[in-house]
Amino acid sequence: MAQEKNNEKGIASLVLGLVSIILGWIPLLGLASGILAIIFYSQQEKVYSNDLATAGFVTGIIGLAFSVIYNIIWLFLSTMIIHL
């Protein structure tokens, strides 16, 4: 009997990576989903390496970077407005 290749965490990584890109402007949601996408990628790579997990890793990194940059800009602008 051939062993089935489990791809659940790769799909979860891709979905969370896309969520982190789309909702990266929401302060904690973009950060959390980007980090979770990277975690699910690393867990999927231990079981079975595939393209969906790699795409999830890439989108997770992009979404995480976008969210961090957005949050830094938002924090900077909000402190500027307070000091006016």
PDB file of N, CA and C in Angstrom:
ATOM      1  N   MET A   1       0.839  -1.177   0.000  1.00  0.00           N
ATOM      2  CA  MET A   1       0.000   0.000   0.000  1.00  0.00           C
ATOM      3  C   MET A   1       0.890   1.248   0.000  1.00  0.00           C
ATOM      4  N   ALA A   2       0.637   2.128  -0.928  1.00  0.00           N
ATOM      5  CA  ALA A   2       1.428   3.356  -1.030  1.00  0.00           C
ATOM      6  C   ALA A   2       1.001   4.344   0.055  1.00  0.00           C
ATOM      7  N   GLN A   3       1.976   5.034   0.586  1.00  0.00           N
ATOM      8  CA  GLN A   3       1.703   6.023   1.623  1.00  0.00           C
ATOM      9  C   GLN A   3       1.165   7.306   0.982  1.00  0.00           C
ATOM     10  N   GLU A   4       0.041   7.796   1.508  1.00  0.00           N
ATOM     11  CA  GLU A   4      -0.520   9.041   0.991  1.00  0.00           C
ATOM     12  C   GLU A   4       0.320  10.219   1.456  1.00  0.00           C
ATOM     13  N   LYS A   5       0.448  11.180   0.597  1.00  0.00           N
ATOM     14  CA  LYS A   5       1.218  12.377   0.932  1.00  0.00           C
ATOM     15  C   LYS A   5       0.284  13.390   1.574  1.00  0.00           C
ATOM     16  N   ASN A   6       0.551  13.711   2.821  1.00  0.00           N
ATOM     17  CA  ASN A   6      -0.267  14.637   3.584  1.00  0.00           C
ATOM     18  C   ASN A   6       0.107  16.068   3.212  1.00  0.00           C
ATOM     19  N   ASN A   7      -0.892  16.848   2.831  1.00  0.00           N
ATOM     20  CA  ASN A   7      -0.638  18.209   2.349  1.00  0.00           C
ATOM     21  C   ASN A   7      -1.429  19.254   3.123  1.00  0.00           C
ATOM     22  N   GLU A   8      -1.995  18.889   4.269  1.00  0.00           N
ATOM     23  CA  GLU A   8      -2.872  19.799   5.002  1.00  0.00           C
ATOM     24  C   GLU A   8      -2.142  21.037   5.504  1.00  0.00           C
ATOM     25  N   LYS A   9      -0.961  20.869   6.048  1.00  0.00           N
ATOM     26  CA  LYS A   9      -0.232  22.016   6.592  1.00  0.00           C
ATOM     27  C   LYS A   9       0.318  22.908   5.480  1.00  0.00           C
ATOM     28  N   GLY A  10       0.585  22.345   4.325  1.00  0.00           N
ATOM     29  CA  GLY A  10       1.002  23.162   3.185  1.00  0.00           C
ATOM     30  C   GLY A  10      -0.118  24.065   2.708  1.00  0.00           C
ATOM     31  N   ILE A  11      -1.337  23.510   2.664  1.00  0.00           N
ATOM     32  CA  ILE A  11      -2.498  24.314   2.277  1.00  0.00           C
ATOM     33  C   ILE A  11      -2.766  25.391   3.332  1.00  0.00           C
ATOM     34  N   ALA A  12      -2.666  25.013   4.610  1.00  0.00           N
ATOM     35  CA  ALA A  12      -2.869  25.992   5.688  1.00  0.00           C
ATOM     36  C   ALA A  12      -1.828  27.100   5.609  1.00  0.00           C
ATOM     37  N   SER A  13      -0.599  26.744   5.277  1.00  0.00           N
ATOM     38  CA  SER A  13       0.461  27.737   5.137  1.00  0.00           C
ATOM     39  C   SER A  13       0.150  28.717   4.012  1.00  0.00           C
ATOM     40  N   LEU A  14      -0.320  28.202   2.893  1.00  0.00           N
ATOM     41  CA  LEU A  14      -0.657  29.067   1.760  1.00  0.00           C
ATOM     42  C   LEU A  14      -1.827  29.985   2.093  1.00  0.00           C
ATOM     43  N   VAL A  15      -2.864  29.453   2.700  1.00  0.00           N
ATOM     44  CA  VAL A  15      -4.032  30.266   3.049  1.00  0.00           C
ATOM     45  C   VAL A  15      -3.648  31.353   4.052  1.00  0.00           C
ATOM     46  N   LEU A  16      -2.889  30.989   5.076  1.00  0.00           N
ATOM     47  CA  LEU A  16      -2.482  31.988   6.072  1.00  0.00           C
ATOM     48  C   LEU A  16      -1.537  33.028   5.479  1.00  0.00           C
ATOM     49  N   GLY A  17      -0.693  32.614   4.542  1.00  0.00           N
ATOM     50  CA  GLY A  17       0.173  33.572   3.865  1.00  0.00           C
ATOM     51  C   GLY A  17      -0.625  34.583   3.064  1.00  0.00           C
ATOM     52  N   LEU A  18      -1.648  34.106   2.363  1.00  0.00           N
ATOM     53  CA  LEU A  18      -2.504  35.024   1.603  1.00  0.00           C
ATOM     54  C   LEU A  18      -3.291  35.939   2.535  1.00  0.00           C
ATOM     55  N   VAL A  19      -3.757  35.400   3.647  1.00  0.00           N
ATOM     56  CA  VAL A  19      -4.471  36.221   4.629  1.00  0.00           C
ATOM     57  C   VAL A  19      -3.548  37.307   5.171  1.00  0.00           C
ATOM     58  N   SER A  20      -2.287  36.958   5.406  1.00  0.00           N
ATOM     59  CA  SER A  20      -1.351  37.958   5.939  1.00  0.00           C
ATOM     60  C   SER A  20      -1.074  39.066   4.932  1.00  0.00           C
ATOM     61  N   ILE A  21      -1.116  38.758   3.645  1.00  0.00           N
ATOM     62  CA  ILE A  21      -0.934  39.799   2.630  1.00  0.00           C
ATOM     63  C   ILE A  21      -2.184  40.672   2.530  1.00  0.00           C
ATOM     64  N   ILE A  22      -3.341  40.039   2.477  1.00  0.00           N
ATOM     65  CA  ILE A  22      -4.587  40.779   2.281  1.00  0.00           C
ATOM     66  C   ILE A  22      -4.952  41.606   3.514  1.00  0.00           C
ATOM     67  N   LEU A  23      -4.762  41.020   4.701  1.00  0.00           N
ATOM     68  CA  LEU A  23      -5.168  41.700   5.928  1.00  0.00           C
ATOM     69  C   LEU A  23      -3.975  42.199   6.736  1.00  0.00           C
ATOM     70  N   GLY A  24      -2.877  42.471   6.058  1.00  0.00           N
ATOM     71  CA  GLY A  24      -1.680  42.938   6.741  1.00  0.00           C
ATOM     72  C   GLY A  24      -1.821  44.302   7.371  1.00  0.00           C
ATOM     73  N   TRP A  25      -2.797  45.068   6.952  1.00  0.00           N
ATOM     74  CA  TRP A  25      -2.996  46.401   7.503  1.00  0.00           C
ATOM     75  C   TRP A  25      -3.699  46.366   8.859  1.00  0.00           C
ATOM     76  N   ILE A  26      -4.259  45.230   9.253  1.00  0.00           N
ATOM     77  CA  ILE A  26      -4.851  45.085  10.584  1.00  0.00           C
ATOM     78  C   ILE A  26      -3.717  44.700  11.527  1.00  0.00           C
ATOM     79  N   PRO A  27      -3.467  45.485  12.578  1.00  0.00           N
ATOM     80  CA  PRO A  27      -2.229  45.368  13.354  1.00  0.00           C
ATOM     81  C   PRO A  27      -1.779  43.965  13.744  1.00  0.00           C
ATOM     82  N   LEU A  28      -2.547  43.200  14.447  1.00  0.00           N
ATOM     83  CA  LEU A  28      -2.038  41.904  14.899  1.00  0.00           C
ATOM     84  C   LEU A  28      -2.407  40.748  13.980  1.00  0.00           C
ATOM     85  N   LEU A  29      -3.434  40.903  13.178  1.00  0.00           N
ATOM     86  CA  LEU A  29      -3.877  39.808  12.318  1.00  0.00           C
ATOM     87  C   LEU A  29      -2.854  39.490  11.235  1.00  0.00           C
ATOM     88  N   GLY A  30      -2.284  40.508  10.632  1.00  0.00           N
ATOM     89  CA  GLY A  30      -1.270  40.289   9.603  1.00  0.00           C
ATOM     90  C   GLY A  30      -0.013  39.654  10.168  1.00  0.00           C
ATOM     91  N   LEU A  31       0.403  40.113  11.329  1.00  0.00           N
ATOM     92  CA  LEU A  31       1.592  39.540  11.966  1.00  0.00           C
ATOM     93  C   LEU A  31       1.371  38.083  12.353  1.00  0.00           C
ATOM     94  N   ALA A  32       0.248  37.813  13.012  1.00  0.00           N
ATOM     95  CA  ALA A  32      -0.032  36.459  13.489  1.00  0.00           C
ATOM     96  C   ALA A  32      -0.176  35.473  12.332  1.00  0.00           C
ATOM     97  N   SER A  33      -0.901  35.848  11.290  1.00  0.00           N
ATOM     98  CA  SER A  33      -1.097  34.925  10.176  1.00  0.00           C
ATOM     99  C   SER A  33       0.195  34.710   9.385  1.00  0.00           C
ATOM    100  N   GLY A  34       1.031  35.717   9.286  1.00  0.00           N
ATOM    101  CA  GLY A  34       2.323  35.542   8.614  1.00  0.00           C
ATOM    102  C   GLY A  34       3.235  34.602   9.383  1.00  0.00           C
ATOM    103  N   ILE A  35       3.267  34.752  10.695  1.00  0.00           N
ATOM    104  CA  ILE A  35       4.091  33.872  11.527  1.00  0.00           C
ATOM    105  C   ILE A  35       3.557  32.445  11.479  1.00  0.00           C
ATOM    106  N   LEU A  36       2.231  32.290  11.547  1.00  0.00           N
ATOM    107  CA  LEU A  36       1.646  30.949  11.470  1.00  0.00           C
ATOM    108  C   LEU A  36       1.897  30.289  10.112  1.00  0.00           C
ATOM    109  N   ALA A  37       1.896  31.071   9.043  1.00  0.00           N
ATOM    110  CA  ALA A  37       2.187  30.520   7.714  1.00  0.00           C
ATOM    111  C   ALA A  37       3.598  29.947   7.671  1.00  0.00           C
ATOM    112  N   ILE A  38       4.538  30.641   8.281  1.00  0.00           N
ATOM    113  CA  ILE A  38       5.923  30.161   8.308  1.00  0.00           C
ATOM    114  C   ILE A  38       6.045  28.911   9.171  1.00  0.00           C
ATOM    115  N   ILE A  39       5.327  28.885  10.298  1.00  0.00           N
ATOM    116  CA  ILE A  39       5.362  27.709  11.175  1.00  0.00           C
ATOM    117  C   ILE A  39       4.772  26.494  10.466  1.00  0.00           C
ATOM    118  N   PHE A  40       3.619  26.661   9.807  1.00  0.00           N
ATOM    119  CA  PHE A  40       3.018  25.541   9.092  1.00  0.00           C
ATOM    120  C   PHE A  40       3.897  25.082   7.935  1.00  0.00           C
ATOM    121  N   TYR A  41       4.597  25.993   7.296  1.00  0.00           N
ATOM    122  CA  TYR A  41       5.544  25.611   6.243  1.00  0.00           C
ATOM    123  C   TYR A  41       6.629  24.698   6.797  1.00  0.00           C
ATOM    124  N   SER A  42       7.209  25.078   7.931  1.00  0.00           N
ATOM    125  CA  SER A  42       8.294  24.276   8.489  1.00  0.00           C
ATOM    126  C   SER A  42       7.797  22.905   8.934  1.00  0.00           C
ATOM    127  N   GLN A  43       6.565  22.825   9.442  1.00  0.00           N
ATOM    128  CA  GLN A  43       6.008  21.527   9.822  1.00  0.00           C
ATOM    129  C   GLN A  43       5.711  20.675   8.597  1.00  0.00           C
ATOM    130  N   GLN A  44       5.242  21.295   7.511  1.00  0.00           N
ATOM    131  CA  GLN A  44       4.964  20.549   6.283  1.00  0.00           C
ATOM    132  C   GLN A  44       6.251  20.033   5.650  1.00  0.00           C
ATOM    133  N   GLU A  45       7.301  20.808   5.708  1.00  0.00           N
ATOM    134  CA  GLU A  45       8.577  20.385   5.120  1.00  0.00           C
ATOM    135  C   GLU A  45       9.142  19.148   5.811  1.00  0.00           C
ATOM    136  N   LYS A  46       8.835  18.959   7.087  1.00  0.00           N
ATOM    137  CA  LYS A  46       9.299  17.764   7.804  1.00  0.00           C
ATOM    138  C   LYS A  46       8.578  16.513   7.325  1.00  0.00           C
ATOM    139  N   VAL A  47       7.313  16.669   6.905  1.00  0.00           N
ATOM    140  CA  VAL A  47       6.513  15.533   6.473  1.00  0.00           C
ATOM    141  C   VAL A  47       6.721  15.248   4.990  1.00  0.00           C
ATOM    142  N   TYR A  48       6.503  16.270   4.168  1.00  0.00           N
ATOM    143  CA  TYR A  48       6.552  16.122   2.715  1.00  0.00           C
ATOM    144  C   TYR A  48       6.736  17.496   2.093  1.00  0.00           C
ATOM    145  N   SER A  49       7.793  17.666   1.336  1.00  0.00           N
ATOM    146  CA  SER A  49       8.082  18.939   0.693  1.00  0.00           C
ATOM    147  C   SER A  49       7.265  19.076  -0.591  1.00  0.00           C
ATOM    148  N   ASN A  50       6.587  20.218  -0.734  1.00  0.00           N
ATOM    149  CA  ASN A  50       5.795  20.442  -1.938  1.00  0.00           C
ATOM    150  C   ASN A  50       5.747  21.931  -2.282  1.00  0.00           C
ATOM    151  N   ASP A  51       5.171  22.225  -3.436  1.00  0.00           N
ATOM    152  CA  ASP A  51       5.125  23.598  -3.921  1.00  0.00           C
ATOM    153  C   ASP A  51       4.134  24.466  -3.153  1.00  0.00           C
ATOM    154  N   LEU A  52       3.047  23.873  -2.662  1.00  0.00           N
ATOM    155  CA  LEU A  52       2.078  24.660  -1.896  1.00  0.00           C
ATOM    156  C   LEU A  52       2.697  25.185  -0.607  1.00  0.00           C
ATOM    157  N   ALA A  53       3.471  24.352   0.053  1.00  0.00           N
ATOM    158  CA  ALA A  53       4.126  24.792   1.290  1.00  0.00           C
ATOM    159  C   ALA A  53       5.137  25.895   0.990  1.00  0.00           C
ATOM    160  N   THR A  54       5.859  25.754  -0.101  1.00  0.00           N
ATOM    161  CA  THR A  54       6.828  26.787  -0.480  1.00  0.00           C
ATOM    162  C   THR A  54       6.125  28.099  -0.816  1.00  0.00           C
ATOM    163  N   ALA A  55       5.006  28.010  -1.525  1.00  0.00           N
ATOM    164  CA  ALA A  55       4.226  29.215  -1.833  1.00  0.00           C
ATOM    165  C   ALA A  55       3.683  29.834  -0.546  1.00  0.00           C
ATOM    166  N   GLY A  56       3.291  29.011   0.409  1.00  0.00           N
ATOM    167  CA  GLY A  56       2.829  29.512   1.697  1.00  0.00           C
ATOM    168  C   GLY A  56       3.931  30.218   2.456  1.00  0.00           C
ATOM    169  N   PHE A  57       5.141  29.684   2.370  1.00  0.00           N
ATOM    170  CA  PHE A  57       6.291  30.318   3.020  1.00  0.00           C
ATOM    171  C   PHE A  57       6.570  31.685   2.399  1.00  0.00           C
ATOM    172  N   VAL A  58       6.565  31.748   1.084  1.00  0.00           N
ATOM    173  CA  VAL A  58       6.856  33.004   0.381  1.00  0.00           C
ATOM    174  C   VAL A  58       5.781  34.047   0.686  1.00  0.00           C
ATOM    175  N   THR A  59       4.505  33.650   0.603  1.00  0.00           N
ATOM    176  CA  THR A  59       3.440  34.607   0.898  1.00  0.00           C
ATOM    177  C   THR A  59       3.442  35.001   2.377  1.00  0.00           C
ATOM    178  N   GLY A  60       3.827  34.075   3.248  1.00  0.00           N
ATOM    179  CA  GLY A  60       3.926  34.398   4.668  1.00  0.00           C
ATOM    180  C   GLY A  60       5.002  35.429   4.943  1.00  0.00           C
ATOM    181  N   ILE A  61       6.157  35.272   4.291  1.00  0.00           N
ATOM    182  CA  ILE A  61       7.252  36.239   4.447  1.00  0.00           C
ATOM    183  C   ILE A  61       6.843  37.608   3.895  1.00  0.00           C
ATOM    184  N   ILE A  62       6.218  37.621   2.721  1.00  0.00           N
ATOM    185  CA  ILE A  62       5.783  38.891   2.119  1.00  0.00           C
ATOM    186  C   ILE A  62       4.732  39.566   2.999  1.00  0.00           C
ATOM    187  N   GLY A  63       3.753  38.802   3.459  1.00  0.00           N
ATOM    188  CA  GLY A  63       2.713  39.360   4.315  1.00  0.00           C
ATOM    189  C   GLY A  63       3.255  39.840   5.642  1.00  0.00           C
ATOM    190  N   LEU A  64       4.199  39.101   6.201  1.00  0.00           N
ATOM    191  CA  LEU A  64       4.814  39.497   7.470  1.00  0.00           C
ATOM    192  C   LEU A  64       5.602  40.793   7.298  1.00  0.00           C
ATOM    193  N   ALA A  65       6.366  40.883   6.220  1.00  0.00           N
ATOM    194  CA  ALA A  65       7.133  42.102   5.959  1.00  0.00           C
ATOM    195  C   ALA A  65       6.202  43.290   5.731  1.00  0.00           C
ATOM    196  N   PHE A  66       5.149  43.080   4.953  1.00  0.00           N
ATOM    197  CA  PHE A  66       4.175  44.143   4.695  1.00  0.00           C
ATOM    198  C   PHE A  66       3.532  44.607   6.002  1.00  0.00           C
ATOM    199  N   SER A  67       3.154  43.663   6.835  1.00  0.00           N
ATOM    200  CA  SER A  67       2.502  44.007   8.092  1.00  0.00           C
ATOM    201  C   SER A  67       3.441  44.753   9.035  1.00  0.00           C
ATOM    202  N   VAL A  68       4.686  44.335   9.112  1.00  0.00           N
ATOM    203  CA  VAL A  68       5.660  45.011   9.973  1.00  0.00           C
ATOM    204  C   VAL A  68       5.903  46.433   9.478  1.00  0.00           C
ATOM    205  N   ILE A  69       6.098  46.593   8.178  1.00  0.00           N
ATOM    206  CA  ILE A  69       6.338  47.919   7.615  1.00  0.00           C
ATOM    207  C   ILE A  69       5.126  48.821   7.835  1.00  0.00           C
ATOM    208  N   TYR A  70       3.941  48.290   7.590  1.00  0.00           N
ATOM    209  CA  TYR A  70       2.725  49.080   7.792  1.00  0.00           C
ATOM    210  C   TYR A  70       2.582  49.497   9.250  1.00  0.00           C
ATOM    211  N   ASN A  71       2.829  48.576  10.171  1.00  0.00           N
ATOM    212  CA  ASN A  71       2.687  48.896  11.594  1.00  0.00           C
ATOM    213  C   ASN A  71       3.718  49.928  12.055  1.00  0.00           C
ATOM    214  N   ILE A  72       4.922  49.867  11.523  1.00  0.00           N
ATOM    215  CA  ILE A  72       5.940  50.863  11.875  1.00  0.00           C
ATOM    216  C   ILE A  72       5.535  52.235  11.364  1.00  0.00           C
ATOM    217  N   ILE A  73       5.059  52.301  10.130  1.00  0.00           N
ATOM    218  CA  ILE A  73       4.617  53.576   9.562  1.00  0.00           C
ATOM    219  C   ILE A  73       3.429  54.119  10.351  1.00  0.00           C
ATOM    220  N   TRP A  74       2.475  53.255  10.680  1.00  0.00           N
ATOM    221  CA  TRP A  74       1.305  53.680  11.446  1.00  0.00           C
ATOM    222  C   TRP A  74       1.712  54.196  12.822  1.00  0.00           C
ATOM    223  N   LEU A  75       2.628  53.505  13.474  1.00  0.00           N
ATOM    224  CA  LEU A  75       3.097  53.932  14.786  1.00  0.00           C
ATOM    225  C   LEU A  75       3.808  55.280  14.694  1.00  0.00           C
ATOM    226  N   PHE A  76       4.641  55.445  13.678  1.00  0.00           N
ATOM    227  CA  PHE A  76       5.364  56.704  13.477  1.00  0.00           C
ATOM    228  C   PHE A  76       4.395  57.854  13.228  1.00  0.00           C
ATOM    229  N   LEU A  77       3.430  57.640  12.342  1.00  0.00           N
ATOM    230  CA  LEU A  77       2.478  58.712  12.031  1.00  0.00           C
ATOM    231  C   LEU A  77       1.576  59.036  13.220  1.00  0.00           C
ATOM    232  N   SER A  78       1.206  58.028  13.981  1.00  0.00           N
ATOM    233  CA  SER A  78       0.336  58.296  15.127  1.00  0.00           C
ATOM    234  C   SER A  78       1.077  59.085  16.203  1.00  0.00           C
ATOM    235  N   THR A  79       2.361  58.849  16.382  1.00  0.00           N
ATOM    236  CA  THR A  79       3.105  59.648  17.362  1.00  0.00           C
ATOM    237  C   THR A  79       3.334  61.059  16.840  1.00  0.00           C
ATOM    238  N   MET A  80       3.462  61.227  15.536  1.00  0.00           N
ATOM    239  CA  MET A  80       3.608  62.567  14.962  1.00  0.00           C
ATOM    240  C   MET A  80       2.330  63.381  15.173  1.00  0.00           C
ATOM    241  N   ILE A  81       1.189  62.746  15.006  1.00  0.00           N
ATOM    242  CA  ILE A  81      -0.083  63.449  15.157  1.00  0.00           C
ATOM    243  C   ILE A  81      -0.299  63.843  16.619  1.00  0.00           C
ATOM    244  N   ILE A  82       0.096  62.980  17.542  1.00  0.00           N
ATOM    245  CA  ILE A  82      -0.068  63.264  18.961  1.00  0.00           C
ATOM    246  C   ILE A  82       0.757  64.486  19.373  1.00  0.00           C
ATOM    247  N   HIS A  83       1.927  64.641  18.790  1.00  0.00           N
ATOM    248  CA  HIS A  83       2.819  65.738  19.168  1.00  0.00           C
ATOM    249  C   HIS A  83       2.513  67.055  18.437  1.00  0.00           C
ATOM    250  N   LEU A  84       1.513  67.076  17.606  1.00  0.00           N
ATOM    251  CA  LEU A  84       1.157  68.330  16.904  1.00  0.00           C
ATOM    252  C   LEU A  84       0.423  69.283  17.790  1.00  0.00           C
TER     253      LEU A  84
END
